[in-house]
């Protein structure tokens, strides 16, 4: 349901931005051929009203862009509540969850040279984790990635008490053991 709401906000913000841009361009570029009613004709002929309408449209565009980026980043800014007691609550930040996942991927000894982790909230307050890894060449990818998935899931659940619904591992690159990438001079 949350993804549906986010998709709706995203689509509506894009539509509002496009309409505001079209009206603003119409006022700036061709006010004599304006496509709206008479009150907009008054706006297009009065320099003062044009400035006011353009300022309002700019505010709408900025507000819409702010909503757009807030919607995209909302999942990352959410905290996961583990437990609430009479003393208060325990909150674990997204960064802490990502660090636990990174440490687990490295501890799995599966040939990981480097990794990035992204944690988001899935269904029923469970976590979804995406690992993007760079591997060394001497790694059997399917078996070692399954090892990473298992270790990340177990460690995050053990250390935080939060259930993990999925761990997705994406291999972005495979590099030679001890190699250095030098892209200069080409």
N, C-alpha and C. Protein backbone atom coordinates (compact mmCIF):
# COMPACT_ATOMS: atom_id res chain seq x y z
N UNK A 1 0.81 -1.19 0.00
CA UNK A 1 0.00 0.00 0.00
C UNK A 1 0.86 1.26 0.00
N UNK A 2 1.97 1.21 0.79
CA UNK A 2 2.86 2.36 0.88
C UNK A 2 3.49 2.67 -0.48
N UNK A 3 3.85 1.64 -1.23
CA UNK A 3 4.45 1.86 -2.55
C UNK A 3 3.43 2.47 -3.51
N UNK A 4 2.17 2.10 -3.36
CA UNK A 4 1.12 2.67 -4.19
C UNK A 4 0.96 4.16 -3.90
N UNK A 5 0.99 4.52 -2.62
CA UNK A 5 0.89 5.94 -2.23
C UNK A 5 2.10 6.70 -2.76
N UNK A 6 3.29 6.12 -2.61
CA UNK A 6 4.50 6.78 -3.11
C UNK A 6 4.43 6.96 -4.63
N UNK A 7 3.93 5.95 -5.33
CA UNK A 7 3.80 6.07 -6.79
C UNK A 7 2.81 7.16 -7.16
N UNK A 8 1.69 7.25 -6.43
CA UNK A 8 0.71 8.29 -6.69
C UNK A 8 1.29 9.68 -6.46
N UNK A 9 1.99 9.86 -5.35
CA UNK A 9 2.61 11.16 -5.06
C UNK A 9 3.64 11.50 -6.12
N UNK A 10 4.42 10.52 -6.53
CA UNK A 10 5.44 10.74 -7.56
C UNK A 10 4.79 11.17 -8.88
N UNK A 11 3.79 10.45 -9.33
CA UNK A 11 3.13 10.77 -10.59
C UNK A 11 2.43 12.12 -10.52
N UNK A 12 1.74 12.39 -9.40
CA UNK A 12 1.05 13.68 -9.30
C UNK A 12 2.04 14.83 -9.22
N UNK A 13 3.16 14.65 -8.56
CA UNK A 13 4.14 15.73 -8.50
C UNK A 13 4.77 15.98 -9.87
N UNK A 14 4.97 14.94 -10.64
CA UNK A 14 5.51 15.12 -12.00
C UNK A 14 4.48 15.86 -12.87
N UNK A 15 3.21 15.48 -12.76
CA UNK A 15 2.17 16.15 -13.54
C UNK A 15 2.04 17.63 -13.16
N UNK A 16 2.04 17.93 -11.87
CA UNK A 16 1.92 19.32 -11.43
C UNK A 16 3.13 20.13 -11.91
N UNK A 17 4.30 19.54 -11.84
CA UNK A 17 5.50 20.22 -12.31
C UNK A 17 5.42 20.51 -13.80
N UNK A 18 4.98 19.54 -14.58
CA UNK A 18 4.86 19.74 -16.04
C UNK A 18 3.85 20.84 -16.37
N UNK A 19 2.70 20.82 -15.70
CA UNK A 19 1.68 21.85 -15.95
C UNK A 19 2.22 23.23 -15.58
N UNK A 20 2.88 23.33 -14.44
CA UNK A 20 3.44 24.61 -14.02
C UNK A 20 4.50 25.09 -15.00
N UNK A 21 5.33 24.18 -15.48
CA UNK A 21 6.35 24.56 -16.47
C UNK A 21 5.71 25.03 -17.77
N UNK A 22 4.67 24.32 -18.24
CA UNK A 22 4.00 24.71 -19.48
C UNK A 22 3.35 26.09 -19.36
N UNK A 23 2.67 26.33 -18.25
CA UNK A 23 2.03 27.64 -18.06
C UNK A 23 3.09 28.73 -17.98
N UNK A 24 4.16 28.47 -17.24
CA UNK A 24 5.24 29.45 -17.13
C UNK A 24 5.88 29.75 -18.46
N UNK A 25 6.15 28.72 -19.25
CA UNK A 25 6.73 28.95 -20.58
C UNK A 25 5.77 29.70 -21.49
N UNK A 26 4.50 29.38 -21.39
CA UNK A 26 3.51 30.08 -22.21
C UNK A 26 3.47 31.56 -21.86
N UNK A 27 3.50 31.89 -20.57
CA UNK A 27 3.48 33.29 -20.15
C UNK A 27 4.74 34.00 -20.63
N UNK A 28 5.88 33.34 -20.52
CA UNK A 28 7.14 33.98 -20.91
C UNK A 28 7.30 34.13 -22.41
N UNK A 29 6.97 33.07 -23.16
CA UNK A 29 7.31 33.04 -24.58
C UNK A 29 6.23 33.59 -25.50
N UNK A 30 4.97 33.32 -25.21
CA UNK A 30 3.91 33.74 -26.13
C UNK A 30 2.67 34.19 -25.37
N UNK A 31 2.74 35.29 -24.65
CA UNK A 31 1.57 35.71 -23.88
C UNK A 31 0.39 36.11 -24.75
N UNK A 32 0.62 36.52 -25.99
CA UNK A 32 -0.50 36.94 -26.84
C UNK A 32 -1.33 35.75 -27.34
N UNK A 33 -0.77 34.53 -27.31
CA UNK A 33 -1.49 33.33 -27.75
C UNK A 33 -1.80 32.42 -26.56
N UNK A 34 -2.08 33.01 -25.42
CA UNK A 34 -2.30 32.24 -24.20
C UNK A 34 -3.56 31.42 -24.32
N UNK A 35 -3.54 30.19 -23.83
CA UNK A 35 -4.61 29.24 -24.05
C UNK A 35 -5.64 29.16 -22.93
N UNK A 36 -5.59 30.00 -21.92
CA UNK A 36 -6.57 29.95 -20.84
C UNK A 36 -7.54 31.12 -20.95
N UNK A 37 -8.43 31.26 -19.97
CA UNK A 37 -9.53 32.22 -20.01
C UNK A 37 -9.08 33.67 -19.87
N UNK A 38 -10.06 34.57 -19.81
CA UNK A 38 -9.78 36.01 -19.84
C UNK A 38 -8.95 36.49 -18.66
N UNK A 39 -9.13 35.93 -17.51
CA UNK A 39 -8.34 36.40 -16.38
C UNK A 39 -6.86 36.11 -16.60
N UNK A 40 -6.56 35.07 -17.36
CA UNK A 40 -5.17 34.81 -17.70
C UNK A 40 -4.68 35.77 -18.78
N UNK A 41 -5.60 36.26 -19.59
CA UNK A 41 -5.24 37.28 -20.56
C UNK A 41 -4.77 38.54 -19.84
N UNK A 42 -5.46 38.86 -18.75
CA UNK A 42 -5.05 40.01 -17.95
C UNK A 42 -3.65 39.79 -17.35
N UNK A 43 -3.38 38.57 -16.95
CA UNK A 43 -2.06 38.25 -16.40
C UNK A 43 -0.99 38.40 -17.47
N UNK A 44 -1.31 37.97 -18.67
CA UNK A 44 -0.31 38.01 -19.74
C UNK A 44 -0.03 39.42 -20.24
N UNK A 45 -0.96 40.34 -20.06
CA UNK A 45 -0.74 41.71 -20.54
C UNK A 45 -0.19 42.64 -19.47
N UNK A 46 -0.32 42.26 -18.21
CA UNK A 46 0.17 43.10 -17.12
C UNK A 46 1.52 42.57 -16.64
N UNK A 47 2.56 43.37 -16.77
CA UNK A 47 3.89 42.92 -16.32
C UNK A 47 3.91 42.58 -14.82
N UNK A 48 3.20 43.32 -14.01
CA UNK A 48 3.19 43.06 -12.57
C UNK A 48 2.53 41.71 -12.28
N UNK A 49 1.40 41.46 -12.89
CA UNK A 49 0.72 40.19 -12.69
C UNK A 49 1.54 39.02 -13.24
N UNK A 50 2.23 39.24 -14.35
CA UNK A 50 3.09 38.19 -14.90
C UNK A 50 4.16 37.79 -13.90
N UNK A 51 4.78 38.77 -13.27
CA UNK A 51 5.83 38.48 -12.28
C UNK A 51 5.24 37.71 -11.09
N UNK A 52 4.05 38.13 -10.64
CA UNK A 52 3.42 37.46 -9.50
C UNK A 52 3.08 36.01 -9.86
N UNK A 53 2.48 35.80 -11.02
CA UNK A 53 2.11 34.43 -11.44
C UNK A 53 3.36 33.57 -11.65
N UNK A 54 4.39 34.14 -12.26
CA UNK A 54 5.62 33.37 -12.44
C UNK A 54 6.25 33.01 -11.10
N UNK A 55 6.22 33.93 -10.14
CA UNK A 55 6.75 33.64 -8.81
C UNK A 55 5.95 32.52 -8.14
N UNK A 56 4.63 32.58 -8.26
CA UNK A 56 3.79 31.52 -7.69
C UNK A 56 4.06 30.17 -8.37
N UNK A 57 4.21 30.20 -9.68
CA UNK A 57 4.52 28.95 -10.40
C UNK A 57 5.87 28.40 -9.98
N UNK A 58 6.83 29.27 -9.77
CA UNK A 58 8.15 28.83 -9.30
C UNK A 58 8.04 28.20 -7.92
N UNK A 59 7.23 28.79 -7.05
CA UNK A 59 7.02 28.19 -5.73
C UNK A 59 6.36 26.83 -5.83
N UNK A 60 5.39 26.69 -6.73
CA UNK A 60 4.73 25.39 -6.93
C UNK A 60 5.73 24.36 -7.44
N UNK A 61 6.57 24.76 -8.39
CA UNK A 61 7.57 23.85 -8.93
C UNK A 61 8.54 23.42 -7.83
N UNK A 62 9.01 24.36 -7.03
CA UNK A 62 9.95 24.03 -5.95
C UNK A 62 9.29 23.13 -4.90
N UNK A 63 8.05 23.42 -4.55
CA UNK A 63 7.35 22.57 -3.59
C UNK A 63 7.14 21.16 -4.14
N UNK A 64 6.82 21.08 -5.41
CA UNK A 64 6.62 19.77 -6.03
C UNK A 64 7.92 18.98 -6.08
N UNK A 65 9.00 19.65 -6.43
CA UNK A 65 10.30 18.96 -6.44
C UNK A 65 10.69 18.51 -5.03
N UNK A 66 10.40 19.33 -4.04
CA UNK A 66 10.69 18.95 -2.66
C UNK A 66 9.88 17.71 -2.27
N UNK A 67 8.60 17.67 -2.65
CA UNK A 67 7.77 16.48 -2.39
C UNK A 67 8.33 15.27 -3.11
N UNK A 68 8.76 15.46 -4.34
CA UNK A 68 9.31 14.36 -5.14
C UNK A 68 10.52 13.75 -4.46
N UNK A 69 11.48 14.59 -4.08
CA UNK A 69 12.70 14.08 -3.46
C UNK A 69 12.43 13.54 -2.05
N UNK A 70 11.47 14.13 -1.36
CA UNK A 70 11.11 13.60 -0.05
C UNK A 70 10.50 12.21 -0.19
N UNK A 71 9.68 12.01 -1.19
CA UNK A 71 9.08 10.70 -1.42
C UNK A 71 10.14 9.66 -1.74
N UNK A 72 11.10 10.03 -2.56
CA UNK A 72 12.16 9.08 -2.90
C UNK A 72 13.02 8.73 -1.69
N UNK A 73 13.25 9.69 -0.82
CA UNK A 73 14.15 9.49 0.29
C UNK A 73 13.44 9.07 1.57
N UNK A 74 12.11 9.02 1.58
CA UNK A 74 11.36 8.76 2.80
C UNK A 74 11.69 7.41 3.41
N UNK A 75 11.85 6.40 2.58
CA UNK A 75 12.14 5.07 3.11
C UNK A 75 13.49 5.04 3.82
N UNK A 76 14.46 5.80 3.34
CA UNK A 76 15.78 5.80 3.95
C UNK A 76 15.79 6.57 5.27
N UNK A 77 14.89 7.53 5.43
CA UNK A 77 14.90 8.34 6.63
C UNK A 77 14.09 7.73 7.77
N UNK A 78 13.29 6.73 7.46
CA UNK A 78 12.49 6.09 8.49
C UNK A 78 13.37 5.33 9.46
N UNK A 79 12.99 5.34 10.70
CA UNK A 79 13.69 4.52 11.69
C UNK A 79 12.86 3.28 11.97
N UNK A 80 13.52 2.25 12.38
CA UNK A 80 12.82 1.01 12.70
C UNK A 80 12.76 0.88 14.21
N UNK A 81 11.57 0.83 14.74
CA UNK A 81 11.39 0.68 16.18
C UNK A 81 11.47 -0.78 16.53
N UNK A 82 12.39 -1.13 17.40
CA UNK A 82 12.55 -2.52 17.78
C UNK A 82 11.66 -2.86 18.96
N UNK A 83 11.69 -2.01 19.97
CA UNK A 83 10.94 -2.34 21.18
C UNK A 83 10.54 -1.07 21.90
N UNK A 84 9.40 -1.11 22.52
CA UNK A 84 8.92 0.02 23.32
C UNK A 84 8.64 -0.52 24.72
N UNK A 85 9.15 0.19 25.72
CA UNK A 85 8.90 -0.21 27.10
C UNK A 85 8.54 1.02 27.91
N UNK A 86 8.38 0.83 29.23
CA UNK A 86 8.06 1.97 30.07
C UNK A 86 9.22 2.96 30.15
N UNK A 87 10.41 2.53 29.81
CA UNK A 87 11.58 3.41 29.82
C UNK A 87 11.74 4.19 28.52
N UNK A 88 11.09 3.76 27.46
CA UNK A 88 11.20 4.44 26.17
C UNK A 88 11.27 3.43 25.05
N UNK A 89 11.83 3.85 23.94
CA UNK A 89 11.91 2.96 22.78
C UNK A 89 13.36 2.84 22.33
N UNK A 90 13.61 1.78 21.58
CA UNK A 90 14.93 1.54 21.01
C UNK A 90 14.81 1.75 19.51
N UNK A 91 15.55 2.71 18.98
CA UNK A 91 15.54 2.99 17.55
C UNK A 91 16.90 2.66 16.97
N UNK A 92 16.89 2.00 15.83
CA UNK A 92 18.14 1.67 15.14
C UNK A 92 18.11 2.40 13.81
N UNK A 93 19.13 3.19 13.54
CA UNK A 93 19.15 3.98 12.31
C UNK A 93 19.40 3.08 11.10
N UNK A 94 19.05 3.60 9.94
CA UNK A 94 19.29 2.88 8.69
C UNK A 94 20.78 2.65 8.49
N UNK A 95 21.59 3.65 8.85
CA UNK A 95 23.04 3.53 8.70
C UNK A 95 23.60 2.39 9.55
N UNK A 96 23.07 2.24 10.77
CA UNK A 96 23.52 1.15 11.63
C UNK A 96 23.15 -0.20 11.02
N UNK A 97 21.94 -0.31 10.48
CA UNK A 97 21.53 -1.55 9.84
C UNK A 97 22.40 -1.86 8.63
N UNK A 98 22.73 -0.83 7.84
CA UNK A 98 23.58 -1.02 6.68
C UNK A 98 24.99 -1.46 7.10
N UNK A 99 25.51 -0.88 8.19
CA UNK A 99 26.83 -1.28 8.67
C UNK A 99 26.85 -2.73 9.14
N UNK A 100 25.78 -3.17 9.79
CA UNK A 100 25.70 -4.57 10.21
C UNK A 100 25.71 -5.48 8.99
N UNK A 101 24.96 -5.09 7.95
CA UNK A 101 24.93 -5.89 6.72
C UNK A 101 26.29 -5.92 6.03
N UNK A 102 26.98 -4.78 5.99
CA UNK A 102 28.32 -4.73 5.38
C UNK A 102 29.31 -5.60 6.14
N UNK A 103 29.29 -5.50 7.45
CA UNK A 103 30.20 -6.32 8.26
C UNK A 103 29.91 -7.80 8.07
N UNK A 104 28.65 -8.16 7.96
CA UNK A 104 28.28 -9.56 7.75
C UNK A 104 28.76 -10.04 6.39
N UNK A 105 28.65 -9.21 5.36
CA UNK A 105 29.10 -9.61 4.01
C UNK A 105 30.60 -9.83 4.01
N UNK A 106 31.34 -8.98 4.68
CA UNK A 106 32.80 -9.15 4.74
C UNK A 106 33.19 -10.34 5.59
N UNK A 107 32.44 -10.58 6.67
CA UNK A 107 32.74 -11.69 7.56
C UNK A 107 32.39 -13.04 6.94
N UNK A 108 31.58 -13.04 5.89
CA UNK A 108 31.19 -14.30 5.25
C UNK A 108 32.35 -14.95 4.51
N UNK A 109 33.44 -14.22 4.33
CA UNK A 109 34.64 -14.71 3.64
C UNK A 109 34.26 -15.36 2.30
N UNK A 110 33.53 -14.57 1.52
CA UNK A 110 33.04 -15.08 0.24
C UNK A 110 33.72 -14.37 -0.93
N UNK A 111 34.91 -13.81 -0.73
CA UNK A 111 35.63 -13.17 -1.82
C UNK A 111 35.16 -11.77 -2.13
N UNK A 112 34.61 -11.08 -1.15
CA UNK A 112 34.11 -9.72 -1.35
C UNK A 112 35.26 -8.73 -1.20
N UNK A 113 35.51 -7.96 -2.25
CA UNK A 113 36.52 -6.91 -2.18
C UNK A 113 35.94 -5.66 -1.53
N UNK A 114 34.76 -5.26 -1.98
CA UNK A 114 34.06 -4.12 -1.37
C UNK A 114 32.57 -4.34 -1.55
N UNK A 115 31.79 -3.58 -0.77
CA UNK A 115 30.34 -3.75 -0.82
C UNK A 115 29.65 -2.47 -0.40
N UNK A 116 28.40 -2.35 -0.84
CA UNK A 116 27.50 -1.29 -0.41
C UNK A 116 26.20 -1.96 0.00
N UNK A 117 25.53 -1.38 0.97
CA UNK A 117 24.27 -1.96 1.43
C UNK A 117 23.18 -0.90 1.42
N UNK A 118 21.99 -1.30 1.05
CA UNK A 118 20.80 -0.44 1.11
C UNK A 118 19.73 -1.21 1.86
N UNK A 119 19.19 -0.58 2.89
CA UNK A 119 18.17 -1.21 3.71
C UNK A 119 16.88 -0.41 3.58
N UNK A 120 15.78 -1.11 3.37
CA UNK A 120 14.47 -0.45 3.32
C UNK A 120 13.47 -1.33 4.05
N UNK A 121 12.36 -0.71 4.40
CA UNK A 121 11.33 -1.45 5.12
C UNK A 121 10.41 -2.12 4.12
N UNK A 122 10.23 -3.42 4.29
CA UNK A 122 9.35 -4.18 3.41
C UNK A 122 7.99 -4.38 4.05
N UNK A 123 7.35 -5.47 3.73
CA UNK A 123 6.02 -5.78 4.25
C UNK A 123 6.11 -6.21 5.72
N UNK A 124 5.06 -5.91 6.48
CA UNK A 124 4.94 -6.33 7.88
C UNK A 124 6.15 -5.93 8.72
N UNK A 125 6.67 -4.73 8.49
CA UNK A 125 7.80 -4.18 9.26
C UNK A 125 9.06 -5.03 9.17
N UNK A 126 9.17 -5.82 8.12
CA UNK A 126 10.39 -6.59 7.88
C UNK A 126 11.32 -5.78 7.00
N UNK A 127 12.60 -6.10 7.07
CA UNK A 127 13.60 -5.37 6.30
C UNK A 127 13.86 -6.05 4.97
N UNK A 128 14.16 -5.23 3.97
CA UNK A 128 14.65 -5.72 2.68
C UNK A 128 16.04 -5.11 2.50
N UNK A 129 17.01 -5.95 2.19
CA UNK A 129 18.40 -5.50 2.09
C UNK A 129 18.91 -5.79 0.69
N UNK A 130 19.54 -4.79 0.09
CA UNK A 130 20.18 -4.95 -1.22
C UNK A 130 21.67 -4.73 -1.01
N UNK A 131 22.45 -5.73 -1.37
CA UNK A 131 23.91 -5.65 -1.28
C UNK A 131 24.47 -5.53 -2.70
N UNK A 132 25.33 -4.55 -2.92
CA UNK A 132 26.02 -4.39 -4.20
C UNK A 132 27.49 -4.66 -3.91
N UNK A 133 28.03 -5.72 -4.52
CA UNK A 133 29.37 -6.18 -4.15
C UNK A 133 30.32 -6.18 -5.35
N UNK A 134 31.59 -5.99 -5.03
CA UNK A 134 32.68 -6.17 -5.98
C UNK A 134 33.44 -7.39 -5.49
N UNK A 135 33.64 -8.35 -6.39
CA UNK A 135 34.26 -9.62 -6.01
C UNK A 135 35.64 -9.76 -6.60
N UNK A 136 36.41 -10.68 -6.01
CA UNK A 136 37.67 -11.10 -6.60
C UNK A 136 37.37 -12.19 -7.63
N UNK A 137 38.30 -12.43 -8.56
CA UNK A 137 38.02 -13.34 -9.68
C UNK A 137 37.91 -14.80 -9.29
N UNK A 138 38.49 -15.20 -8.20
CA UNK A 138 38.51 -16.62 -7.84
C UNK A 138 37.30 -17.04 -7.00
N UNK A 139 36.15 -16.47 -7.29
CA UNK A 139 34.95 -16.71 -6.48
C UNK A 139 33.90 -17.45 -7.31
N UNK A 140 33.35 -18.51 -6.74
CA UNK A 140 32.19 -19.17 -7.34
C UNK A 140 30.98 -18.34 -6.96
N UNK A 141 30.51 -17.56 -7.91
CA UNK A 141 29.52 -16.53 -7.60
C UNK A 141 28.23 -17.09 -7.00
N UNK A 142 27.55 -18.07 -7.60
CA UNK A 142 26.27 -18.50 -7.02
C UNK A 142 26.38 -19.00 -5.57
N UNK A 143 27.34 -19.85 -5.31
CA UNK A 143 27.43 -20.42 -3.95
C UNK A 143 27.88 -19.38 -2.93
N UNK A 144 28.80 -18.51 -3.32
CA UNK A 144 29.29 -17.51 -2.37
C UNK A 144 28.27 -16.41 -2.12
N UNK A 145 27.47 -16.06 -3.13
CA UNK A 145 26.44 -15.05 -2.92
C UNK A 145 25.34 -15.59 -2.01
N UNK A 146 25.04 -16.88 -2.12
CA UNK A 146 24.08 -17.51 -1.21
C UNK A 146 24.63 -17.47 0.22
N UNK A 147 25.92 -17.65 0.35
CA UNK A 147 26.58 -17.58 1.66
C UNK A 147 26.45 -16.17 2.25
N UNK A 148 26.64 -15.16 1.40
CA UNK A 148 26.50 -13.76 1.85
C UNK A 148 25.06 -13.50 2.27
N UNK A 149 24.09 -13.93 1.45
CA UNK A 149 22.68 -13.71 1.78
C UNK A 149 22.34 -14.30 3.14
N UNK A 150 22.78 -15.53 3.36
CA UNK A 150 22.49 -16.22 4.62
C UNK A 150 23.13 -15.50 5.80
N UNK A 151 24.38 -15.11 5.66
CA UNK A 151 25.10 -14.44 6.76
C UNK A 151 24.50 -13.07 7.08
N UNK A 152 24.17 -12.30 6.04
CA UNK A 152 23.59 -10.97 6.25
C UNK A 152 22.24 -11.10 6.95
N UNK A 153 21.40 -12.00 6.48
CA UNK A 153 20.07 -12.20 7.09
C UNK A 153 20.21 -12.60 8.56
N UNK A 154 21.05 -13.58 8.85
CA UNK A 154 21.20 -14.06 10.22
C UNK A 154 21.79 -12.99 11.14
N UNK A 155 22.81 -12.28 10.67
CA UNK A 155 23.44 -11.27 11.53
C UNK A 155 22.51 -10.10 11.83
N UNK A 156 21.82 -9.60 10.82
CA UNK A 156 20.90 -8.48 11.05
C UNK A 156 19.79 -8.90 12.01
N UNK A 157 19.22 -10.07 11.81
CA UNK A 157 18.16 -10.53 12.69
C UNK A 157 18.68 -10.78 14.11
N UNK A 158 19.88 -11.35 14.24
CA UNK A 158 20.44 -11.64 15.56
C UNK A 158 20.77 -10.37 16.32
N UNK A 159 21.40 -9.41 15.66
CA UNK A 159 21.86 -8.21 16.37
C UNK A 159 20.76 -7.17 16.60
N UNK A 160 19.71 -7.19 15.81
CA UNK A 160 18.68 -6.15 15.94
C UNK A 160 17.33 -6.69 16.40
N UNK A 161 17.07 -7.96 16.16
CA UNK A 161 15.75 -8.51 16.47
C UNK A 161 14.70 -8.17 15.43
N UNK A 162 15.11 -7.58 14.32
CA UNK A 162 14.18 -7.21 13.26
C UNK A 162 14.21 -8.29 12.20
N UNK A 163 13.06 -8.84 11.82
CA UNK A 163 13.06 -9.87 10.77
C UNK A 163 13.44 -9.30 9.40
N UNK A 164 14.16 -10.09 8.63
CA UNK A 164 14.59 -9.71 7.29
C UNK A 164 13.82 -10.57 6.30
N UNK A 165 13.09 -9.92 5.39
CA UNK A 165 12.28 -10.68 4.42
C UNK A 165 13.09 -11.08 3.20
N UNK A 166 14.08 -10.25 2.81
CA UNK A 166 14.84 -10.56 1.59
C UNK A 166 16.22 -9.91 1.65
N UNK A 167 17.20 -10.64 1.13
CA UNK A 167 18.54 -10.10 0.92
C UNK A 167 18.88 -10.33 -0.54
N UNK A 168 18.99 -9.25 -1.28
CA UNK A 168 19.31 -9.33 -2.71
C UNK A 168 20.78 -8.95 -2.87
N UNK A 169 21.54 -9.78 -3.57
CA UNK A 169 22.95 -9.50 -3.80
C UNK A 169 23.16 -9.24 -5.28
N UNK A 170 23.74 -8.09 -5.60
CA UNK A 170 24.05 -7.73 -6.98
C UNK A 170 25.57 -7.62 -7.12
N UNK A 171 26.11 -8.36 -8.07
CA UNK A 171 27.55 -8.30 -8.32
C UNK A 171 27.78 -7.22 -9.37
N UNK A 172 28.47 -6.16 -8.98
CA UNK A 172 28.68 -5.05 -9.91
C UNK A 172 29.96 -5.21 -10.71
N UNK A 173 30.95 -5.90 -10.14
CA UNK A 173 32.24 -6.03 -10.82
C UNK A 173 33.00 -7.21 -10.25
N UNK A 174 33.87 -7.77 -11.07
CA UNK A 174 34.79 -8.81 -10.62
C UNK A 174 36.19 -8.34 -10.98
N UNK A 175 37.09 -8.33 -9.98
CA UNK A 175 38.44 -7.82 -10.21
C UNK A 175 39.47 -8.87 -9.83
N UNK A 176 40.63 -8.75 -10.45
CA UNK A 176 41.74 -9.65 -10.14
C UNK A 176 42.19 -9.44 -8.70
N UNK A 177 42.67 -10.50 -8.11
CA UNK A 177 43.18 -10.43 -6.76
C UNK A 177 44.38 -9.49 -6.72
N UNK A 178 44.29 -8.43 -5.93
CA UNK A 178 45.39 -7.47 -5.81
C UNK A 178 45.55 -6.54 -7.00
N UNK A 179 44.57 -6.47 -7.91
CA UNK A 179 44.71 -5.62 -9.07
C UNK A 179 44.35 -4.19 -8.73
N UNK A 180 44.89 -3.29 -9.53
CA UNK A 180 44.56 -1.88 -9.42
C UNK A 180 44.04 -1.42 -10.75
N UNK A 181 42.96 -0.69 -10.72
CA UNK A 181 42.38 -0.18 -11.96
C UNK A 181 42.98 1.20 -12.22
N UNK A 182 43.61 1.35 -13.40
CA UNK A 182 44.19 2.62 -13.78
C UNK A 182 43.53 3.04 -15.07
N UNK A 183 42.66 4.03 -14.99
CA UNK A 183 41.94 4.47 -16.19
C UNK A 183 42.59 5.67 -16.84
N UNK A 184 43.65 6.18 -16.27
CA UNK A 184 44.32 7.35 -16.86
C UNK A 184 45.15 6.97 -18.07
N UNK A 185 45.26 7.87 -19.01
CA UNK A 185 46.10 7.64 -20.19
C UNK A 185 45.40 6.90 -21.32
N UNK A 186 44.13 6.58 -21.17
CA UNK A 186 43.44 5.88 -22.26
C UNK A 186 42.33 6.70 -22.81
